[in-house]
Protein backbone atom coordinates (compact mmCIF):
# COMPACT_ATOMS: atom_id res chain seq x y z
CA MET A 1 204.54 122.87 -116.33
CA ILE A 2 202.78 125.23 -114.07
CA SER A 3 200.69 122.69 -112.28
CA GLY A 4 203.65 120.28 -111.99
CA MET A 5 205.32 123.21 -110.22
CA TRP A 6 202.45 123.70 -107.99
CA ILE A 7 201.77 119.87 -107.12
CA ARG A 8 205.92 119.74 -106.52
CA SER A 9 205.62 122.77 -103.97
CA THR A 10 202.62 121.13 -102.19
CA LEU A 11 204.32 117.84 -101.85
CA THR A 12 207.36 119.42 -100.50
CA TYR A 13 205.62 119.53 -96.91
CA ARG A 14 203.73 116.29 -97.18
CA ALA A 15 202.08 116.80 -93.60
CA SER A 16 200.78 119.92 -94.74
CA PHE A 17 199.08 118.27 -97.60
CA VAL A 18 197.67 115.40 -96.31
CA MET A 19 196.02 118.00 -93.43
CA THR A 20 194.62 120.55 -95.80
CA THR A 21 193.71 117.63 -97.90
CA VAL A 22 191.71 115.79 -95.06
CA GLY A 23 190.19 118.97 -93.78
CA ASN A 24 188.70 119.60 -97.47
CA PHE A 25 187.45 116.23 -97.13
CA ALA A 26 185.47 116.70 -93.64
CA LEU A 27 184.57 120.21 -94.57
CA THR A 28 182.64 119.03 -97.73
CA GLY A 29 181.53 116.40 -96.04
CA LEU A 30 179.60 118.60 -93.28
CA GLU A 31 177.32 119.28 -96.29
CA PHE A 32 175.99 115.54 -96.19
CA VAL A 33 175.94 115.57 -92.64
CA GLY A 34 173.32 118.13 -92.62
CA ILE A 35 171.59 115.94 -95.06
CA LEU A 36 171.77 113.15 -92.69
CA LEU A 37 170.15 115.19 -89.97
CA MET A 38 167.04 116.21 -92.34
CA PHE A 39 166.86 112.36 -92.74
CA SER A 40 166.71 111.76 -89.05
CA GLN A 41 163.49 113.83 -88.96
CA VAL A 42 161.70 112.66 -92.30
CA ASP A 43 161.68 109.64 -94.08
CA ARG A 44 162.00 111.46 -97.70
CA LEU A 45 162.63 114.68 -99.07
CA GLY A 46 160.77 115.85 -102.01
CA GLY A 47 159.76 112.34 -102.54
CA TYR A 48 163.11 110.91 -102.52
CA SER A 49 164.72 108.34 -100.04
CA LEU A 50 167.94 108.94 -98.76
CA PRO A 51 170.32 106.74 -101.13
CA GLU A 52 168.26 108.57 -103.77
CA ILE A 53 169.65 111.82 -102.53
CA ALA A 54 173.13 110.56 -101.79
CA PHE A 55 173.10 109.55 -105.49
CA LEU A 56 172.31 113.29 -106.63
CA TYR A 57 174.38 114.56 -103.91
CA GLY A 58 177.74 112.30 -104.78
CA THR A 59 177.57 112.65 -108.59
CA ALA A 60 177.02 116.71 -108.35
CA GLY A 61 179.82 116.68 -105.71
CA ALA A 62 182.19 114.50 -107.58
CA ALA A 63 181.42 116.42 -111.11
CA PHE A 64 181.84 119.62 -109.37
CA GLY A 65 184.90 118.60 -107.67
CA LEU A 66 186.66 117.60 -110.61
CA ALA A 67 185.62 120.89 -112.08
CA ASP A 68 187.22 122.80 -109.14
CA LEU A 69 190.41 120.89 -109.47
CA PHE A 70 190.97 121.76 -112.87
CA ALA A 71 189.62 124.77 -113.21
CA GLY A 72 188.75 126.33 -109.66
CA SER A 73 191.71 128.62 -110.04
CA LEU A 74 189.65 130.80 -112.81
CA GLY A 75 187.53 131.70 -110.10
CA ARG A 76 190.01 134.24 -108.55
CA LEU A 77 190.98 135.76 -112.09
CA GLY A 78 189.28 139.16 -110.85
CA ASN A 79 192.01 139.39 -108.44
CA ARG A 80 194.60 139.27 -111.14
CA VAL A 81 192.50 141.99 -113.44
CA ARG A 82 192.43 144.27 -110.70
CA ASP A 83 195.94 144.16 -109.68
CA GLY A 84 197.24 144.09 -113.33
CA THR A 85 199.13 140.91 -112.95
CA LEU A 86 196.93 139.12 -115.55
CA ASP A 87 199.75 141.13 -118.00
CA ALA A 88 202.30 138.73 -117.03
CA PHE A 89 200.40 135.68 -118.68
CA LEU A 90 199.30 137.64 -121.68
CA VAL A 91 203.28 137.99 -122.63
CA ARG A 92 204.41 134.32 -121.94
CA PRO A 93 204.55 131.76 -124.85
CA ALA A 94 201.45 129.61 -123.25
CA PRO A 95 197.83 129.83 -123.82
CA VAL A 96 196.59 132.00 -121.29
CA LEU A 97 193.81 130.04 -120.08
CA ALA A 98 196.00 127.08 -119.39
CA GLN A 99 198.21 129.39 -117.23
CA VAL A 100 195.25 130.95 -115.17
CA ALA A 101 193.95 127.24 -114.74
CA ALA A 102 197.08 126.01 -113.64
CA ASP A 103 197.93 129.02 -111.30
CA ARG A 104 198.07 128.16 -107.70
CA PHE A 105 197.11 124.65 -108.68
CA ALA A 106 195.57 122.99 -105.57
CA LEU A 107 196.03 119.29 -105.12
CA ARG A 108 194.15 119.48 -101.81
CA ARG A 109 190.68 119.76 -103.75
CA LEU A 110 190.85 116.16 -104.20
CA GLY A 111 189.30 115.96 -100.90
CA ARG A 112 185.77 117.41 -102.35
CA VAL A 113 186.30 114.54 -105.25
CA VAL A 114 186.88 111.91 -103.03
CA GLN A 115 184.12 112.83 -100.32
CA GLY A 116 181.72 112.85 -103.36
CA LEU A 117 182.83 109.61 -104.93
CA ALA A 118 182.42 108.26 -101.01
CA VAL A 119 179.10 108.98 -100.94
CA LEU A 120 178.36 108.30 -104.33
CA GLY A 121 179.90 104.77 -103.61
CA TRP A 122 177.53 104.18 -100.70
CA SER A 123 174.48 105.27 -102.76
CA LEU A 124 175.28 102.65 -105.17
CA LEU A 125 175.21 99.74 -102.60
CA ALA A 126 172.11 101.13 -101.15
CA LEU A 127 169.73 101.76 -103.80
CA ASP A 128 167.06 99.58 -105.14
CA VAL A 129 167.66 100.03 -108.93
CA ALA A 130 166.95 97.65 -111.63
CA TRP A 131 170.74 98.03 -112.96
CA THR A 132 171.15 97.82 -116.66
CA PRO A 133 174.30 98.08 -118.95
CA VAL A 134 172.92 101.30 -120.06
CA LYS A 135 172.59 102.67 -116.50
CA VAL A 136 175.84 101.42 -115.30
CA LEU A 137 177.62 103.24 -118.35
CA LEU A 138 175.61 106.41 -117.94
CA VAL A 139 177.10 106.93 -114.15
CA PRO A 140 180.58 107.79 -115.29
CA VAL A 141 179.54 109.40 -118.10
CA LEU A 142 177.58 111.77 -116.04
CA LEU A 143 180.79 112.46 -114.08
CA ILE A 144 183.01 113.53 -116.94
CA SER A 145 180.48 115.41 -118.65
CA GLY A 146 179.11 117.58 -115.49
CA GLY A 147 182.45 118.07 -114.72
CA ALA A 148 182.72 119.55 -118.44
CA ILE A 149 179.93 121.46 -117.84
CA PHE A 150 181.23 122.92 -114.32
CA SER A 151 184.42 123.73 -116.31
CA ALA A 152 182.63 125.51 -118.98
CA VAL A 153 181.00 127.71 -116.13
CA PHE A 154 184.16 128.48 -114.52
CA MET A 155 185.66 129.50 -117.80
CA ALA A 156 182.64 131.79 -118.88
CA GLY A 157 183.01 133.38 -115.37
CA ALA A 158 186.19 134.10 -115.66
CA ALA A 159 185.23 135.50 -119.11
CA PHE A 160 182.83 137.75 -117.25
CA GLN A 161 185.42 138.77 -114.62
CA ILE A 162 187.51 140.70 -116.96
CA VAL A 163 185.01 142.48 -118.64
CA ALA A 164 183.41 143.28 -115.18
CA GLN A 165 186.86 143.73 -113.53
CA ASP A 166 185.98 140.88 -110.51
CA ALA A 167 182.34 140.01 -109.97
CA ALA A 168 183.88 136.64 -108.77
CA GLU A 169 180.37 136.56 -106.56
CA VAL A 170 178.23 136.32 -109.81
CA GLN A 171 180.68 133.30 -110.65
CA ASN A 172 180.58 131.45 -107.24
CA ALA A 173 176.72 131.82 -107.48
CA ALA A 174 176.62 129.84 -110.63
CA THR A 175 179.22 127.03 -109.59
CA PHE A 176 179.23 126.76 -105.81
CA GLY A 177 175.71 127.29 -105.68
CA GLY A 178 174.83 125.30 -108.60
CA ASN A 179 176.51 122.37 -106.77
CA ALA A 180 174.35 123.07 -103.72
CA MET A 181 171.20 123.15 -105.99
CA LEU A 182 172.04 119.57 -107.73
CA GLN A 183 172.67 118.04 -104.23
CA TYR A 184 168.73 118.18 -103.96
CA PRO A 185 165.94 116.41 -106.16
CA PRO A 186 164.12 118.79 -108.79
CA THR A 187 161.09 118.56 -106.88
CA VAL A 188 161.87 120.53 -104.04
CA PHE A 189 162.25 123.70 -106.83
CA GLY A 190 159.89 125.73 -108.37
CA ASP A 191 159.18 125.33 -112.41
CA ASN A 192 160.71 128.71 -113.20
CA LEU A 193 163.99 127.59 -111.56
CA LEU A 194 163.89 124.24 -113.30
CA ARG A 195 163.39 126.19 -116.54
CA GLY A 196 166.37 128.49 -116.05
CA VAL A 197 168.77 125.69 -115.10
CA THR A 198 167.79 123.39 -118.20
CA PHE A 199 167.30 126.01 -120.89
CA VAL A 200 169.58 129.07 -119.82
CA LEU A 201 172.38 127.91 -117.79
CA PRO A 202 172.05 124.17 -118.33
CA LEU A 203 173.18 122.67 -114.98
CA ALA A 204 170.35 120.26 -114.85
CA PHE A 205 172.08 118.30 -117.45
CA VAL A 206 175.19 117.71 -114.79
CA ASN A 207 173.20 115.64 -112.84
CA TRP A 208 169.43 115.58 -112.57
CA LEU A 209 168.63 114.48 -115.88
CA PRO A 210 170.90 111.68 -116.53
CA ALA A 211 170.26 110.67 -112.53
CA LEU A 212 166.42 110.09 -112.79
CA TYR A 213 166.91 108.03 -115.53
CA VAL A 214 169.15 106.09 -113.42
CA LEU A 215 166.47 106.34 -110.81
CA ASP A 216 163.49 105.96 -112.79
CA ARG A 217 162.25 108.82 -111.80
CA PRO A 218 159.70 111.02 -113.62
CA TYR A 219 161.24 114.13 -115.34
CA PRO A 220 160.51 118.00 -114.22
CA LEU A 221 158.50 120.03 -116.82
CA ASP A 222 157.60 116.94 -118.77
CA LEU A 223 160.59 116.92 -120.53
CA PRO A 224 161.89 113.68 -122.57
CA ARG A 225 163.77 110.93 -120.95
CA SER A 226 166.27 111.01 -123.89
CA LEU A 227 167.88 113.82 -122.43
CA ALA A 228 169.68 111.51 -119.98
CA PHE A 229 171.76 111.00 -122.89
CA ALA A 230 172.47 114.33 -123.64
CA PRO A 231 175.16 115.66 -121.32
CA PRO A 232 178.19 115.00 -123.51
CA LEU A 233 176.63 117.01 -126.38
CA VAL A 234 175.40 119.98 -123.81
CA ALA A 235 179.11 119.86 -122.42
CA ALA A 236 180.82 120.03 -125.34
CA ALA A 237 178.31 123.23 -126.67
CA CYS A 238 179.30 124.88 -123.39
CA LEU A 239 182.56 124.50 -123.57
CA ALA A 240 182.79 125.83 -127.10
CA ALA A 241 180.51 128.78 -125.96
CA ALA A 242 182.61 129.33 -123.03
CA GLY A 243 185.74 129.41 -125.30
CA LEU A 244 184.14 131.99 -127.52
CA ALA A 245 183.48 134.22 -124.52
CA TRP A 246 186.94 133.94 -123.42
CA ARG A 247 188.54 135.03 -126.19
CA ALA A 248 185.99 137.76 -126.62
CA ALA A 249 187.13 138.76 -123.28
CA LEU A 250 190.65 138.56 -123.79
CA ARG A 251 190.44 140.81 -127.18
CA ALA A 252 188.56 143.73 -124.92
CA TYR A 253 190.82 143.41 -122.30
CA ARG A 254 192.72 146.76 -121.18
CA SER A 255 194.95 146.35 -118.44
CA THR A 256 194.71 148.46 -115.20
CA GLY A 257 195.62 151.53 -117.20
CA SER A 258 198.55 152.25 -114.85
């Protein structure tokens, strides 16, 4: 209901909606322009060709865009914690998490999803990959699972903001920073970072591990290739853990004290 209200409000000014969505599309597209500029000087980046990098970029961007569309509003929860307006959500007969996620629902964020899918579509046409039914099915699975993992990170970050009374920058480092990292191949990062995003904050399951299977690329850290099929399970575990963290944070919430 809350999301629908914001969507109707947005579509009241259709020209403004179109311009902001196109602007969001163009702004996120500048990231890929940067990659194109790098490839104007080199043939490979970390041993990966441009279509392979585009595949990583598109899967990461589309998965993050889906999470940002449906859960991005959780990133601003710290503002409501500081000014006490979170209290209004607590007294309404609806789940607080759903209310916060739908708060100021921004349909313009579709621009990021469309831009990521556009790059992904081009990469699928340009890749020299021996496609099998398993690899074809793995692409939509990794997009949905990746979006769920990023959504869990948004949720856990929102819980941390309740406890820390803001600290949105910490959440942004994991969400927006994680998206930027996953656009590049794991070969350009050190082993310690790869261990961290595999076993601590499992962002590697968003696209790296399933994408490397699709691309027939060797796995980092000598990980088994069977992990390509783990993202749905990892997403479920992340959502469950984030849900527990959210409930614990709400129980600890004490308002502003004013």
